[in-house]
Amino acid sequence: MSRIHPPECSRAAPADWPCTAAWLALLALCVLSWSLGGLRGTPALVVLALAATLLKAQVVIDHYMGLRRVRGRWRALLAGWLLLVAVLVGAPLLIH
């Protein structure tokens, strides 16, 4: 039998607080990103919206992909990927 959820977010876990906190954080960050999307795009708002998006990605990587305790290359690879995406998305928005 294979596990679909990481151990900290398993249905068998009696204390689901870490997963509930992660879900609430994702919900709050989504509302923040959505509300910032309706405003005029000043550079500070663009950076804030991009930071909220990157933080959401990090929460998903840590809690739902189960990579919070992983060290070394995997963490560096995922952090580098998030940084690359931030630069590729943010740079054109900030330059214009």
N, C-alpha and C. Protein backbone atom coordinates (compact mmCIF):
# COMPACT_ATOMS: atom_id res chain seq x y z
N MET A 1 0.84 -1.16 0.00
CA MET A 1 0.00 0.00 0.00
C MET A 1 0.90 1.24 0.00
N SER A 2 0.66 2.15 -0.91
CA SER A 2 1.47 3.36 -0.98
C SER A 2 0.75 4.51 -0.30
N ARG A 3 1.53 5.43 0.22
CA ARG A 3 0.98 6.62 0.87
C ARG A 3 0.86 7.74 -0.15
N ILE A 4 -0.27 8.38 -0.15
CA ILE A 4 -0.47 9.52 -1.03
C ILE A 4 -0.03 10.79 -0.33
N HIS A 5 -0.27 10.88 0.97
CA HIS A 5 0.06 12.07 1.75
C HIS A 5 1.35 11.85 2.51
N PRO A 6 2.14 12.92 2.73
CA PRO A 6 3.31 12.78 3.59
C PRO A 6 2.88 12.44 5.01
N PRO A 7 3.77 11.87 5.82
CA PRO A 7 3.39 11.42 7.16
C PRO A 7 2.76 12.51 8.01
N GLU A 8 3.24 13.75 7.92
CA GLU A 8 2.67 14.79 8.77
C GLU A 8 1.28 15.21 8.32
N CYS A 9 0.86 14.86 7.11
CA CYS A 9 -0.47 15.19 6.62
C CYS A 9 -1.29 13.95 6.32
N SER A 10 -0.94 12.86 6.96
CA SER A 10 -1.63 11.59 6.73
C SER A 10 -3.01 11.62 7.38
N ARG A 11 -3.93 10.92 6.77
CA ARG A 11 -5.27 10.81 7.34
C ARG A 11 -5.24 10.01 8.63
N ALA A 12 -4.24 9.17 8.80
CA ALA A 12 -4.14 8.35 10.00
C ALA A 12 -3.57 9.14 11.19
N ALA A 13 -2.98 10.30 10.91
CA ALA A 13 -2.38 11.09 11.99
C ALA A 13 -3.48 11.68 12.87
N PRO A 14 -3.41 11.46 14.19
CA PRO A 14 -4.47 11.97 15.06
C PRO A 14 -4.45 13.50 15.18
N ALA A 15 -3.29 14.11 15.13
CA ALA A 15 -3.20 15.57 15.26
C ALA A 15 -2.94 16.17 13.89
N ASP A 16 -3.96 16.74 13.31
CA ASP A 16 -3.83 17.33 11.97
C ASP A 16 -3.49 18.81 12.02
N TRP A 17 -3.03 19.33 13.16
CA TRP A 17 -2.77 20.75 13.26
C TRP A 17 -1.74 21.26 12.25
N PRO A 18 -0.60 20.57 12.00
CA PRO A 18 0.35 21.11 11.01
C PRO A 18 -0.28 21.25 9.62
N CYS A 19 -1.10 20.31 9.24
CA CYS A 19 -1.74 20.39 7.93
C CYS A 19 -2.81 21.46 7.90
N THR A 20 -3.54 21.60 9.00
CA THR A 20 -4.56 22.65 9.08
C THR A 20 -3.90 24.02 9.04
N ALA A 21 -2.80 24.19 9.74
CA ALA A 21 -2.09 25.47 9.73
C ALA A 21 -1.55 25.76 8.33
N ALA A 22 -1.01 24.75 7.67
CA ALA A 22 -0.51 24.95 6.30
C ALA A 22 -1.66 25.33 5.36
N TRP A 23 -2.79 24.67 5.51
CA TRP A 23 -3.94 24.98 4.67
C TRP A 23 -4.45 26.39 4.92
N LEU A 24 -4.51 26.80 6.19
CA LEU A 24 -4.94 28.15 6.52
C LEU A 24 -3.96 29.20 5.98
N ALA A 25 -2.68 28.89 6.06
CA ALA A 25 -1.67 29.81 5.50
C ALA A 25 -1.84 29.94 3.99
N LEU A 26 -2.07 28.83 3.31
CA LEU A 26 -2.30 28.87 1.86
C LEU A 26 -3.55 29.67 1.53
N LEU A 27 -4.58 29.48 2.31
CA LEU A 27 -5.82 30.22 2.10
C LEU A 27 -5.61 31.72 2.27
N ALA A 28 -4.92 32.11 3.34
CA ALA A 28 -4.65 33.53 3.59
C ALA A 28 -3.77 34.13 2.50
N LEU A 29 -2.76 33.39 2.06
CA LEU A 29 -1.89 33.89 1.01
C LEU A 29 -2.61 33.99 -0.33
N CYS A 30 -3.54 33.08 -0.59
CA CYS A 30 -4.34 33.18 -1.82
C CYS A 30 -5.23 34.41 -1.80
N VAL A 31 -5.86 34.68 -0.66
CA VAL A 31 -6.70 35.87 -0.55
C VAL A 31 -5.85 37.13 -0.71
N LEU A 32 -4.66 37.13 -0.11
CA LEU A 32 -3.76 38.28 -0.26
C LEU A 32 -3.36 38.48 -1.72
N SER A 33 -2.97 37.41 -2.39
CA SER A 33 -2.58 37.51 -3.80
C SER A 33 -3.74 37.99 -4.66
N TRP A 34 -4.92 37.46 -4.40
CA TRP A 34 -6.10 37.84 -5.17
C TRP A 34 -6.43 39.31 -4.97
N SER A 35 -6.37 39.78 -3.72
CA SER A 35 -6.69 41.18 -3.46
C SER A 35 -5.65 42.11 -4.04
N LEU A 36 -4.40 41.72 -4.06
CA LEU A 36 -3.35 42.54 -4.66
C LEU A 36 -3.48 42.58 -6.18
N GLY A 37 -4.02 41.52 -6.75
CA GLY A 37 -4.18 41.47 -8.20
C GLY A 37 -5.15 42.51 -8.75
N GLY A 38 -6.08 42.97 -7.93
CA GLY A 38 -7.06 43.95 -8.37
C GLY A 38 -6.57 45.39 -8.24
N LEU A 39 -5.41 45.59 -7.63
CA LEU A 39 -4.90 46.94 -7.44
C LEU A 39 -3.97 47.34 -8.59
N ARG A 40 -3.72 48.64 -8.71
CA ARG A 40 -2.76 49.11 -9.70
C ARG A 40 -1.38 48.56 -9.38
N GLY A 41 -0.65 48.18 -10.40
CA GLY A 41 0.62 47.48 -10.23
C GLY A 41 1.82 48.36 -9.94
N THR A 42 1.93 48.87 -8.72
CA THR A 42 3.16 49.55 -8.34
C THR A 42 4.23 48.49 -8.09
N PRO A 43 5.49 48.86 -8.20
CA PRO A 43 6.55 47.85 -7.97
C PRO A 43 6.46 47.18 -6.60
N ALA A 44 6.08 47.92 -5.58
CA ALA A 44 5.98 47.32 -4.25
C ALA A 44 4.88 46.26 -4.20
N LEU A 45 3.77 46.51 -4.87
CA LEU A 45 2.69 45.52 -4.90
C LEU A 45 3.08 44.29 -5.71
N VAL A 46 3.81 44.51 -6.79
CA VAL A 46 4.28 43.38 -7.60
C VAL A 46 5.20 42.49 -6.77
N VAL A 47 6.12 43.11 -6.04
CA VAL A 47 7.04 42.34 -5.20
C VAL A 47 6.28 41.61 -4.10
N LEU A 48 5.30 42.27 -3.49
CA LEU A 48 4.51 41.64 -2.43
C LEU A 48 3.69 40.46 -2.95
N ALA A 49 3.06 40.64 -4.11
CA ALA A 49 2.29 39.54 -4.69
C ALA A 49 3.19 38.38 -5.08
N LEU A 50 4.35 38.68 -5.63
CA LEU A 50 5.29 37.62 -6.00
C LEU A 50 5.83 36.91 -4.76
N ALA A 51 6.11 37.66 -3.71
CA ALA A 51 6.57 37.04 -2.46
C ALA A 51 5.50 36.13 -1.86
N ALA A 52 4.24 36.56 -1.91
CA ALA A 52 3.15 35.72 -1.41
C ALA A 52 3.05 34.43 -2.22
N THR A 53 3.22 34.54 -3.52
CA THR A 53 3.17 33.36 -4.38
C THR A 53 4.32 32.40 -4.09
N LEU A 54 5.51 32.94 -3.90
CA LEU A 54 6.66 32.09 -3.59
C LEU A 54 6.51 31.43 -2.22
N LEU A 55 5.94 32.15 -1.28
CA LEU A 55 5.70 31.57 0.04
C LEU A 55 4.68 30.44 -0.05
N LYS A 56 3.65 30.61 -0.88
CA LYS A 56 2.68 29.53 -1.09
C LYS A 56 3.38 28.30 -1.66
N ALA A 57 4.25 28.51 -2.63
CA ALA A 57 4.98 27.39 -3.23
C ALA A 57 5.84 26.68 -2.19
N GLN A 58 6.47 27.44 -1.31
CA GLN A 58 7.30 26.84 -0.27
C GLN A 58 6.47 26.04 0.72
N VAL A 59 5.28 26.52 1.05
CA VAL A 59 4.39 25.77 1.95
C VAL A 59 3.98 24.44 1.30
N VAL A 60 3.66 24.48 0.02
CA VAL A 60 3.29 23.26 -0.69
C VAL A 60 4.47 22.29 -0.72
N ILE A 61 5.65 22.79 -1.01
CA ILE A 61 6.84 21.94 -1.06
C ILE A 61 7.11 21.32 0.31
N ASP A 62 7.04 22.12 1.35
CA ASP A 62 7.36 21.62 2.68
C ASP A 62 6.32 20.66 3.23
N HIS A 63 5.05 21.04 3.17
CA HIS A 63 4.02 20.26 3.86
C HIS A 63 3.35 19.22 3.00
N TYR A 64 3.03 19.54 1.78
CA TYR A 64 2.24 18.61 0.97
C TYR A 64 3.08 17.71 0.09
N MET A 65 4.29 18.15 -0.24
CA MET A 65 5.21 17.26 -0.95
C MET A 65 6.08 16.49 0.04
N GLY A 66 6.04 16.88 1.31
CA GLY A 66 6.77 16.16 2.35
C GLY A 66 8.27 16.37 2.32
N LEU A 67 8.73 17.52 1.81
CA LEU A 67 10.16 17.75 1.68
C LEU A 67 10.72 18.69 2.75
N ARG A 68 9.99 18.87 3.82
CA ARG A 68 10.44 19.77 4.88
C ARG A 68 11.73 19.27 5.53
N ARG A 69 11.89 17.99 5.68
CA ARG A 69 13.06 17.44 6.36
C ARG A 69 14.17 17.02 5.41
N VAL A 70 14.00 17.28 4.13
CA VAL A 70 15.01 16.91 3.15
C VAL A 70 16.14 17.93 3.17
N ARG A 71 17.35 17.48 3.09
CA ARG A 71 18.51 18.36 3.09
C ARG A 71 19.27 18.24 1.77
N GLY A 72 20.16 19.17 1.56
CA GLY A 72 21.09 19.05 0.45
C GLY A 72 20.55 19.45 -0.90
N ARG A 73 20.81 18.60 -1.86
CA ARG A 73 20.54 18.93 -3.26
C ARG A 73 19.07 19.20 -3.57
N TRP A 74 18.17 18.43 -2.98
CA TRP A 74 16.76 18.63 -3.29
C TRP A 74 16.27 19.99 -2.83
N ARG A 75 16.67 20.40 -1.64
CA ARG A 75 16.28 21.73 -1.15
C ARG A 75 16.89 22.82 -2.03
N ALA A 76 18.16 22.65 -2.39
CA ALA A 76 18.82 23.64 -3.25
C ALA A 76 18.17 23.69 -4.63
N LEU A 77 17.82 22.54 -5.16
CA LEU A 77 17.17 22.48 -6.47
C LEU A 77 15.82 23.19 -6.45
N LEU A 78 15.01 22.91 -5.45
CA LEU A 78 13.69 23.54 -5.37
C LEU A 78 13.78 25.03 -5.05
N ALA A 79 14.71 25.41 -4.19
CA ALA A 79 14.90 26.84 -3.90
C ALA A 79 15.40 27.57 -5.14
N GLY A 80 16.30 26.95 -5.88
CA GLY A 80 16.78 27.55 -7.12
C GLY A 80 15.67 27.68 -8.16
N TRP A 81 14.82 26.68 -8.23
CA TRP A 81 13.70 26.73 -9.16
C TRP A 81 12.75 27.88 -8.81
N LEU A 82 12.43 28.02 -7.54
CA LEU A 82 11.55 29.12 -7.11
C LEU A 82 12.19 30.48 -7.39
N LEU A 83 13.48 30.59 -7.16
CA LEU A 83 14.19 31.84 -7.44
C LEU A 83 14.19 32.15 -8.94
N LEU A 84 14.42 31.14 -9.75
CA LEU A 84 14.39 31.32 -11.21
C LEU A 84 13.01 31.78 -11.68
N VAL A 85 11.98 31.16 -11.20
CA VAL A 85 10.61 31.54 -11.57
C VAL A 85 10.33 32.97 -11.12
N ALA A 86 10.76 33.32 -9.91
CA ALA A 86 10.54 34.68 -9.41
C ALA A 86 11.23 35.72 -10.29
N VAL A 87 12.44 35.43 -10.70
CA VAL A 87 13.18 36.37 -11.55
C VAL A 87 12.54 36.46 -12.93
N LEU A 88 12.18 35.32 -13.51
CA LEU A 88 11.60 35.33 -14.85
C LEU A 88 10.22 35.99 -14.89
N VAL A 89 9.46 35.87 -13.82
CA VAL A 89 8.14 36.50 -13.78
C VAL A 89 8.24 37.94 -13.31
N GLY A 90 9.05 38.19 -12.30
CA GLY A 90 9.11 39.51 -11.70
C GLY A 90 9.87 40.55 -12.50
N ALA A 91 10.94 40.15 -13.14
CA ALA A 91 11.78 41.12 -13.85
C ALA A 91 11.01 41.89 -14.93
N PRO A 92 10.28 41.21 -15.81
CA PRO A 92 9.53 41.99 -16.83
C PRO A 92 8.47 42.90 -16.23
N LEU A 93 7.88 42.46 -15.12
CA LEU A 93 6.85 43.30 -14.49
C LEU A 93 7.45 44.54 -13.84
N LEU A 94 8.65 44.40 -13.30
CA LEU A 94 9.29 45.53 -12.62
C LEU A 94 10.01 46.46 -13.60
N ILE A 95 10.45 45.94 -14.73
CA ILE A 95 11.20 46.74 -15.70
C ILE A 95 10.28 47.66 -16.48
N HIS A 96 9.10 47.19 -16.81
CA HIS A 96 8.20 47.96 -17.69
C HIS A 96 7.95 49.27 -17.10
